PDB file of N, CA and C in Angstrom:
ATOM      1  N   MET A   1     134.162  77.534 -14.527  1.00  0.00           N
ATOM      2  CA  MET A   1     135.456  77.698 -13.910  1.00  0.00           C
ATOM      3  C   MET A   1     135.861  76.363 -13.291  1.00  0.00           C
ATOM      4  N   THR A   2     137.083  75.947 -13.503  1.00  0.00           N
ATOM      5  CA  THR A   2     137.536  74.667 -12.980  1.00  0.00           C
ATOM      6  C   THR A   2     137.884  74.787 -11.501  1.00  0.00           C
ATOM      7  N   ALA A   3     137.964  73.638 -10.859  1.00  0.00           N
ATOM      8  CA  ALA A   3     138.206  73.620  -9.418  1.00  0.00           C
ATOM      9  C   ALA A   3     139.547  74.254  -9.034  1.00  0.00           C
ATOM     10  N   PRO A   4     140.682  73.902  -9.708  1.00  0.00           N
ATOM     11  CA  PRO A   4     141.943  74.531  -9.304  1.00  0.00           C
ATOM     12  C   PRO A   4     141.927  76.048  -9.484  1.00  0.00           C
ATOM     13  N   ARG A   5     141.287  76.507 -10.556  1.00  0.00           N
ATOM     14  CA  ARG A   5     141.235  77.949 -10.797  1.00  0.00           C
ATOM     15  C   ARG A   5     140.406  78.640  -9.715  1.00  0.00           C
ATOM     16  N   THR A   6     139.314  78.005  -9.312  1.00  0.00           N
ATOM     17  CA  THR A   6     138.476  78.561  -8.255  1.00  0.00           C
ATOM     18  C   THR A   6     139.244  78.609  -6.937  1.00  0.00           C
ATOM     19  N   ALA A   7     140.022  77.578  -6.659  1.00  0.00           N
ATOM     20  CA  ALA A   7     140.815  77.552  -5.427  1.00  0.00           C
ATOM     21  C   ALA A   7     141.872  78.650  -5.449  1.00  0.00           C
ATOM     22  N   ARG A   8     142.511  78.857  -6.612  1.00  0.00           N
ATOM     23  CA  ARG A   8     143.513  79.919  -6.712  1.00  0.00           C
ATOM     24  C   ARG A   8     142.875  81.282  -6.531  1.00  0.00           C
ATOM     25  N   THR A   9     141.701  81.462  -7.107  1.00  0.00           N
ATOM     26  CA  THR A   9     140.995  82.729  -6.974  1.00  0.00           C
ATOM     27  C   THR A   9     140.628  82.989  -5.515  1.00  0.00           C
ATOM     28  N   ALA A  10     140.166  81.953  -4.831  1.00  0.00           N
ATOM     29  CA  ALA A  10     139.811  82.104  -3.416  1.00  0.00           C
ATOM     30  C   ALA A  10     141.050  82.407  -2.580  1.00  0.00           C
ATOM     31  N   ALA A  11     142.166  81.748  -2.889  1.00  0.00           N
ATOM     32  CA  ALA A  11     143.411  81.999  -2.150  1.00  0.00           C
ATOM     33  C   ALA A  11     143.881  83.433  -2.390  1.00  0.00           C
ATOM     34  N   PHE A  12     143.785  83.901  -3.627  1.00  0.00           N
ATOM     35  CA  PHE A  12     144.171  85.274  -3.931  1.00  0.00           C
ATOM     36  C   PHE A  12     143.283  86.258  -3.172  1.00  0.00           C
ATOM     37  N   ALA A  13     141.989  85.997  -3.135  1.00  0.00           N
ATOM     38  CA  ALA A  13     141.061  86.888  -2.442  1.00  0.00           C
ATOM     39  C   ALA A  13     141.386  86.947  -0.947  1.00  0.00           C
ATOM     40  N   ARG A  14     141.729  85.800  -0.342  1.00  0.00           N
ATOM     41  CA  ARG A  14     142.097  85.793   1.074  1.00  0.00           C
ATOM     42  C   ARG A  14     143.360  86.619   1.314  1.00  0.00           C
ATOM     43  N   ARG A  15     144.365  86.440   0.458  1.00  0.00           N
ATOM     44  CA  ARG A  15     145.603  87.202   0.614  1.00  0.00           C
ATOM     45  C   ARG A  15     145.347  88.691   0.403  1.00  0.00           C
ATOM     46  N   ALA A  16     144.546  89.023  -0.596  1.00  0.00           N
ATOM     47  CA  ALA A  16     144.259  90.435  -0.877  1.00  0.00           C
ATOM     48  C   ALA A  16     143.547  91.076   0.315  1.00  0.00           C
ATOM     49  N   ARG A  17     142.601  90.371   0.904  1.00  0.00           N
ATOM     50  CA  ARG A  17     141.919  90.897   2.096  1.00  0.00           C
ATOM     51  C   ARG A  17     142.909  91.089   3.243  1.00  0.00           C
ATOM     52  N   GLY A  18     143.816  90.138   3.414  1.00  0.00           N
ATOM     53  CA  GLY A  18     144.812  90.248   4.479  1.00  0.00           C
ATOM     54  C   GLY A  18     145.708  91.462   4.289  1.00  0.00           C
ATOM     55  N   PHE A  19     146.178  91.667   3.048  1.00  0.00           N
ATOM     56  CA  PHE A  19     147.042  92.810   2.779  1.00  0.00           C
ATOM     57  C   PHE A  19     146.275  94.124   2.917  1.00  0.00           C
ATOM     58  N   LEU A  20     145.022  94.133   2.491  1.00  0.00           N
ATOM     59  CA  LEU A  20     144.207  95.332   2.651  1.00  0.00           C
ATOM     60  C   LEU A  20     144.015  95.647   4.133  1.00  0.00           C
ATOM     61  N   LEU A  21     143.763  94.618   4.926  1.00  0.00           N
ATOM     62  CA  LEU A  21     143.606  94.806   6.370  1.00  0.00           C
ATOM     63  C   LEU A  21     144.911  95.313   6.985  1.00  0.00           C
ATOM     64  N   ALA A  22     146.035  94.723   6.595  1.00  0.00           N
ATOM     65  CA  ALA A  22     147.330  95.161   7.131  1.00  0.00           C
ATOM     66  C   ALA A  22     147.604  96.618   6.757  1.00  0.00           C
ATOM     67  N   GLY A  23     147.304  97.002   5.533  1.00  0.00           N
ATOM     68  CA  GLY A  23     147.494  98.382   5.113  1.00  0.00           C
ATOM     69  C   GLY A  23     146.593  99.338   5.866  1.00  0.00           C
ATOM     70  N   THR A  24     145.379  98.911   6.115  1.00  0.00           N
ATOM     71  CA  THR A  24     144.445  99.749   6.865  1.00  0.00           C
ATOM     72  C   THR A  24     144.920  99.930   8.306  1.00  0.00           C
ATOM     73  N   VAL A  25     145.403  98.848   8.908  1.00  0.00           N
ATOM     74  CA  VAL A  25     145.928  98.935  10.274  1.00  0.00           C
ATOM     75  C   VAL A  25     147.135  99.875  10.316  1.00  0.00           C
ATOM     76  N   MET A  26     148.040  99.733   9.366  1.00  0.00           N
ATOM     77  CA  MET A  26     149.216 100.612   9.345  1.00  0.00           C
ATOM     78  C   MET A  26     148.805 102.069   9.115  1.00  0.00           C
ATOM     79  N   GLY A  27     147.807 102.307   8.292  1.00  0.00           N
ATOM     80  CA  GLY A  27     147.301 103.663   8.106  1.00  0.00           C
ATOM     81  C   GLY A  27     146.747 104.232   9.398  1.00  0.00           C
ATOM     82  N   ALA A  28     146.051 103.395  10.139  1.00  0.00           N
ATOM     83  CA  ALA A  28     145.511 103.833  11.426  1.00  0.00           C
ATOM     84  C   ALA A  28     146.637 104.124  12.416  1.00  0.00           C
ATOM     85  N   VAL A  29     147.699 103.321  12.376  1.00  0.00           N
ATOM     86  CA  VAL A  29     148.841 103.554  13.273  1.00  0.00           C
ATOM     87  C   VAL A  29     149.499 104.891  12.933  1.00  0.00           C
ATOM     88  N   TYR A  30     149.715 105.137  11.645  1.00  0.00           N
ATOM     89  CA  TYR A  30     150.297 106.426  11.247  1.00  0.00           C
ATOM     90  C   TYR A  30     149.399 107.576  11.677  1.00  0.00           C
ATOM     91  N   TRP A  31     148.096 107.411  11.512  1.00  0.00           N
ATOM     92  CA  TRP A  31     147.156 108.455  11.904  1.00  0.00           C
ATOM     93  C   TRP A  31     147.210 108.686  13.417  1.00  0.00           C
ATOM     94  N   ALA A  32     147.243 107.599  14.192  1.00  0.00           N
ATOM     95  CA  ALA A  32     147.261 107.716  15.651  1.00  0.00           C
ATOM     96  C   ALA A  32     148.552 108.379  16.132  1.00  0.00           C
ATOM     97  N   MET A  33     149.646 108.140  15.430  1.00  0.00           N
ATOM     98  CA  MET A  33     150.930 108.747  15.805  1.00  0.00           C
ATOM     99  C   MET A  33     151.070 110.154  15.236  1.00  0.00           C
ATOM    100  N   ASP A  34     150.090 110.576  14.452  1.00  0.00           N
ATOM    101  CA  ASP A  34     150.105 111.875  13.787  1.00  0.00           C
ATOM    102  C   ASP A  34     151.388 112.034  12.960  1.00  0.00           C
ATOM    103  N   ALA A  35     151.725 110.962  12.246  1.00  0.00           N
ATOM    104  CA  ALA A  35     152.932 110.949  11.414  1.00  0.00           C
ATOM    105  C   ALA A  35     152.516 110.872   9.944  1.00  0.00           C
ATOM    106  N   ALA A  36     153.393 111.386   9.097  1.00  0.00           N
ATOM    107  CA  ALA A  36     153.134 111.301   7.666  1.00  0.00           C
ATOM    108  C   ALA A  36     153.527 109.916   7.172  1.00  0.00           C
ATOM    109  N   ALA A  37     152.896 109.487   6.109  1.00  0.00           N
ATOM    110  CA  ALA A  37     153.255 108.207   5.497  1.00  0.00           C
ATOM    111  C   ALA A  37     154.707 108.287   5.020  1.00  0.00           C
ATOM    112  N   PRO A  38     155.419 107.161   5.004  1.00  0.00           N
ATOM    113  CA  PRO A  38     156.834 107.189   4.641  1.00  0.00           C
ATOM    114  C   PRO A  38     157.101 107.570   3.185  1.00  0.00           C
ATOM    115  N   ALA A  39     156.118 107.487   2.338  1.00  0.00           N
ATOM    116  CA  ALA A  39     156.291 107.867   0.930  1.00  0.00           C
ATOM    117  C   ALA A  39     155.014 108.563   0.469  1.00  0.00           C
ATOM    118  N   PRO A  40     155.142 109.501  -0.455  1.00  0.00           N
ATOM    119  CA  PRO A  40     153.935 110.132  -0.996  1.00  0.00           C
ATOM    120  C   PRO A  40     153.024 109.072  -1.623  1.00  0.00           C
ATOM    121  N   PRO A  41     151.722 109.215  -1.510  1.00  0.00           N
ATOM    122  CA  PRO A  41     150.812 108.181  -2.006  1.00  0.00           C
ATOM    123  C   PRO A  41     151.042 107.814  -3.470  1.00  0.00           C
ATOM    124  N   LEU A  42     151.224 108.789  -4.343  1.00  0.00           N
ATOM    125  CA  LEU A  42     151.412 108.460  -5.755  1.00  0.00           C
ATOM    126  C   LEU A  42     152.706 107.694  -5.966  1.00  0.00           C
ATOM    127  N   LEU A  43     153.757 108.107  -5.280  1.00  0.00           N
ATOM    128  CA  LEU A  43     155.043 107.425  -5.397  1.00  0.00           C
ATOM    129  C   LEU A  43     154.947 105.987  -4.894  1.00  0.00           C
ATOM    130  N   SER A  44     154.283 105.785  -3.773  1.00  0.00           N
ATOM    131  CA  SER A  44     154.164 104.430  -3.237  1.00  0.00           C
ATOM    132  C   SER A  44     153.304 103.557  -4.137  1.00  0.00           C
ATOM    133  N   LEU A  45     152.256 104.110  -4.729  1.00  0.00           N
ATOM    134  CA  LEU A  45     151.438 103.330  -5.660  1.00  0.00           C
ATOM    135  C   LEU A  45     152.224 102.947  -6.900  1.00  0.00           C
ATOM    136  N   CYS A  46     153.077 103.838  -7.379  1.00  0.00           N
ATOM    137  CA  CYS A  46     153.928 103.505  -8.527  1.00  0.00           C
ATOM    138  C   CYS A  46     154.895 102.379  -8.152  1.00  0.00           C
ATOM    139  N   GLY A  47     155.432 102.425  -6.947  1.00  0.00           N
ATOM    140  CA  GLY A  47     156.324 101.364  -6.487  1.00  0.00           C
ATOM    141  C   GLY A  47     155.611 100.032  -6.389  1.00  0.00           C
ATOM    142  N   LEU A  48     154.402 100.048  -5.862  1.00  0.00           N
ATOM    143  CA  LEU A  48     153.626  98.808  -5.773  1.00  0.00           C
ATOM    144  C   LEU A  48     153.283  98.267  -7.158  1.00  0.00           C
ATOM    145  N   ALA A  49     152.969  99.156  -8.083  1.00  0.00           N
ATOM    146  CA  ALA A  49     152.690  98.718  -9.449  1.00  0.00           C
ATOM    147  C   ALA A  49     153.934  98.084 -10.068  1.00  0.00           C
ATOM    148  N   GLY A  50     155.103  98.642  -9.778  1.00  0.00           N
ATOM    149  CA  GLY A  50     156.347  98.059 -10.277  1.00  0.00           C
ATOM    150  C   GLY A  50     156.602  96.677  -9.705  1.00  0.00           C
ATOM    151  N   VAL A  51     156.334  96.499  -8.426  1.00  0.00           N
ATOM    152  CA  VAL A  51     156.501  95.190  -7.798  1.00  0.00           C
ATOM    153  C   VAL A  51     155.552  94.181  -8.433  1.00  0.00           C
ATOM    154  N   LEU A  52     154.309  94.577  -8.625  1.00  0.00           N
ATOM    155  CA  LEU A  52     153.324  93.686  -9.239  1.00  0.00           C
ATOM    156  C   LEU A  52     153.719  93.321 -10.662  1.00  0.00           C
ATOM    157  N   LEU A  53     154.139  94.306 -11.427  1.00  0.00           N
ATOM    158  CA  LEU A  53     154.550  94.052 -12.803  1.00  0.00           C
ATOM    159  C   LEU A  53     155.770  93.129 -12.846  1.00  0.00           C
ATOM    160  N   GLY A  54     156.738  93.378 -11.984  1.00  0.00           N
ATOM    161  CA  GLY A  54     157.924  92.526 -11.929  1.00  0.00           C
ATOM    162  C   GLY A  54     157.584  91.092 -11.574  1.00  0.00           C
ATOM    163  N   GLU A  55     156.661  90.909 -10.640  1.00  0.00           N
ATOM    164  CA  GLU A  55     156.240  89.563 -10.260  1.00  0.00           C
ATOM    165  C   GLU A  55     155.571  88.851 -11.427  1.00  0.00           C
ATOM    166  N   ARG A  56     154.718  89.557 -12.136  1.00  0.00           N
ATOM    167  CA  ARG A  56     154.018  88.954 -13.280  1.00  0.00           C
ATOM    168  C   ARG A  56     154.982  88.577 -14.390  1.00  0.00           C
ATOM    169  N   VAL A  57     155.928  89.450 -14.675  1.00  0.00           N
ATOM    170  CA  VAL A  57     156.905  89.166 -15.733  1.00  0.00           C
ATOM    171  C   VAL A  57     157.754  87.959 -15.354  1.00  0.00           C
ATOM    172  N   ALA A  58     158.230  87.917 -14.113  1.00  0.00           N
ATOM    173  CA  ALA A  58     159.056  86.794 -13.671  1.00  0.00           C
ATOM    174  C   ALA A  58     158.275  85.485 -13.695  1.00  0.00           C
ATOM    175  N   THR A  59     157.022  85.518 -13.259  1.00  0.00           N
ATOM    176  CA  THR A  59     156.192  84.316 -13.261  1.00  0.00           C
ATOM    177  C   THR A  59     155.947  83.830 -14.688  1.00  0.00           C
ATOM    178  N   THR A  60     155.640  84.756 -15.589  1.00  0.00           N
ATOM    179  CA  THR A  60     155.412  84.386 -16.988  1.00  0.00           C
ATOM    180  C   THR A  60     156.673  83.797 -17.599  1.00  0.00           C
ATOM    181  N   PHE A  61     157.809  84.410 -17.348  1.00  0.00           N
ATOM    182  CA  PHE A  61     159.076  83.925 -17.880  1.00  0.00           C
ATOM    183  C   PHE A  61     159.382  82.530 -17.347  1.00  0.00           C
ATOM    184  N   ARG A  62     159.192  82.319 -16.056  1.00  0.00           N
ATOM    185  CA  ARG A  62     159.465  81.018 -15.446  1.00  0.00           C
ATOM    186  C   ARG A  62     158.529  79.943 -16.003  1.00  0.00           C
ATOM    187  N   THR A  63     157.263  80.275 -16.190  1.00  0.00           N
ATOM    188  CA  THR A  63     156.307  79.313 -16.728  1.00  0.00           C
ATOM    189  C   THR A  63     156.654  78.928 -18.161  1.00  0.00           C
ATOM    190  N   ARG A  64     156.993  79.893 -18.978  1.00  0.00           N
ATOM    191  CA  ARG A  64     157.362  79.611 -20.371  1.00  0.00           C
ATOM    192  C   ARG A  64     158.648  78.800 -20.436  1.00  0.00           C
ATOM    193  N   LEU A  65     159.587  79.097 -19.580  1.00  0.00           N
ATOM    194  CA  LEU A  65     160.834  78.351 -19.545  1.00  0.00           C
ATOM    195  C   LEU A  65     160.578  76.887 -19.125  1.00  0.00           C
ATOM    196  N   ALA A  66     159.686  76.687 -18.159  1.00  0.00           N
ATOM    197  CA  ALA A  66     159.369  75.332 -17.713  1.00  0.00           C
ATOM    198  C   ALA A  66     158.652  74.543 -18.807  1.00  0.00           C
ATOM    199  N   ARG A  67     157.837  75.182 -19.612  1.00  0.00           N
ATOM    200  CA  ARG A  67     157.125  74.495 -20.695  1.00  0.00           C
ATOM    201  C   ARG A  67     158.069  74.041 -21.791  1.00  0.00           C
ATOM    202  N   ARG A  68     159.142  74.800 -22.002  1.00  0.00           N
ATOM    203  CA  ARG A  68     160.095  74.449 -23.061  1.00  0.00           C
ATOM    204  C   ARG A  68     160.950  73.258 -22.691  1.00  0.00           C
ATOM    205  N   ARG A  69     161.110  72.988 -21.415  1.00  0.00           N
ATOM    206  CA  ARG A  69     161.952  71.880 -20.975  1.00  0.00           C
ATOM    207  C   ARG A  69     161.275  70.558 -21.115  1.00  0.00           C
TER     208      ARG A  69
END
């Protein structure tokens, strides 16, 4: 694995841990308030998958467009 790829992987892992921690904290807040989550779990996971897919498509499109120039 090359150095830039390793750095990107480490940066992704740090961000993923941060988001996981933030989600866990928010789950604990909802639990402490005895409130329901704002969206059903399956619906929210589908929304997150859509965001991820949209980001990947946009990034791929932008990269291919930059290579053609």
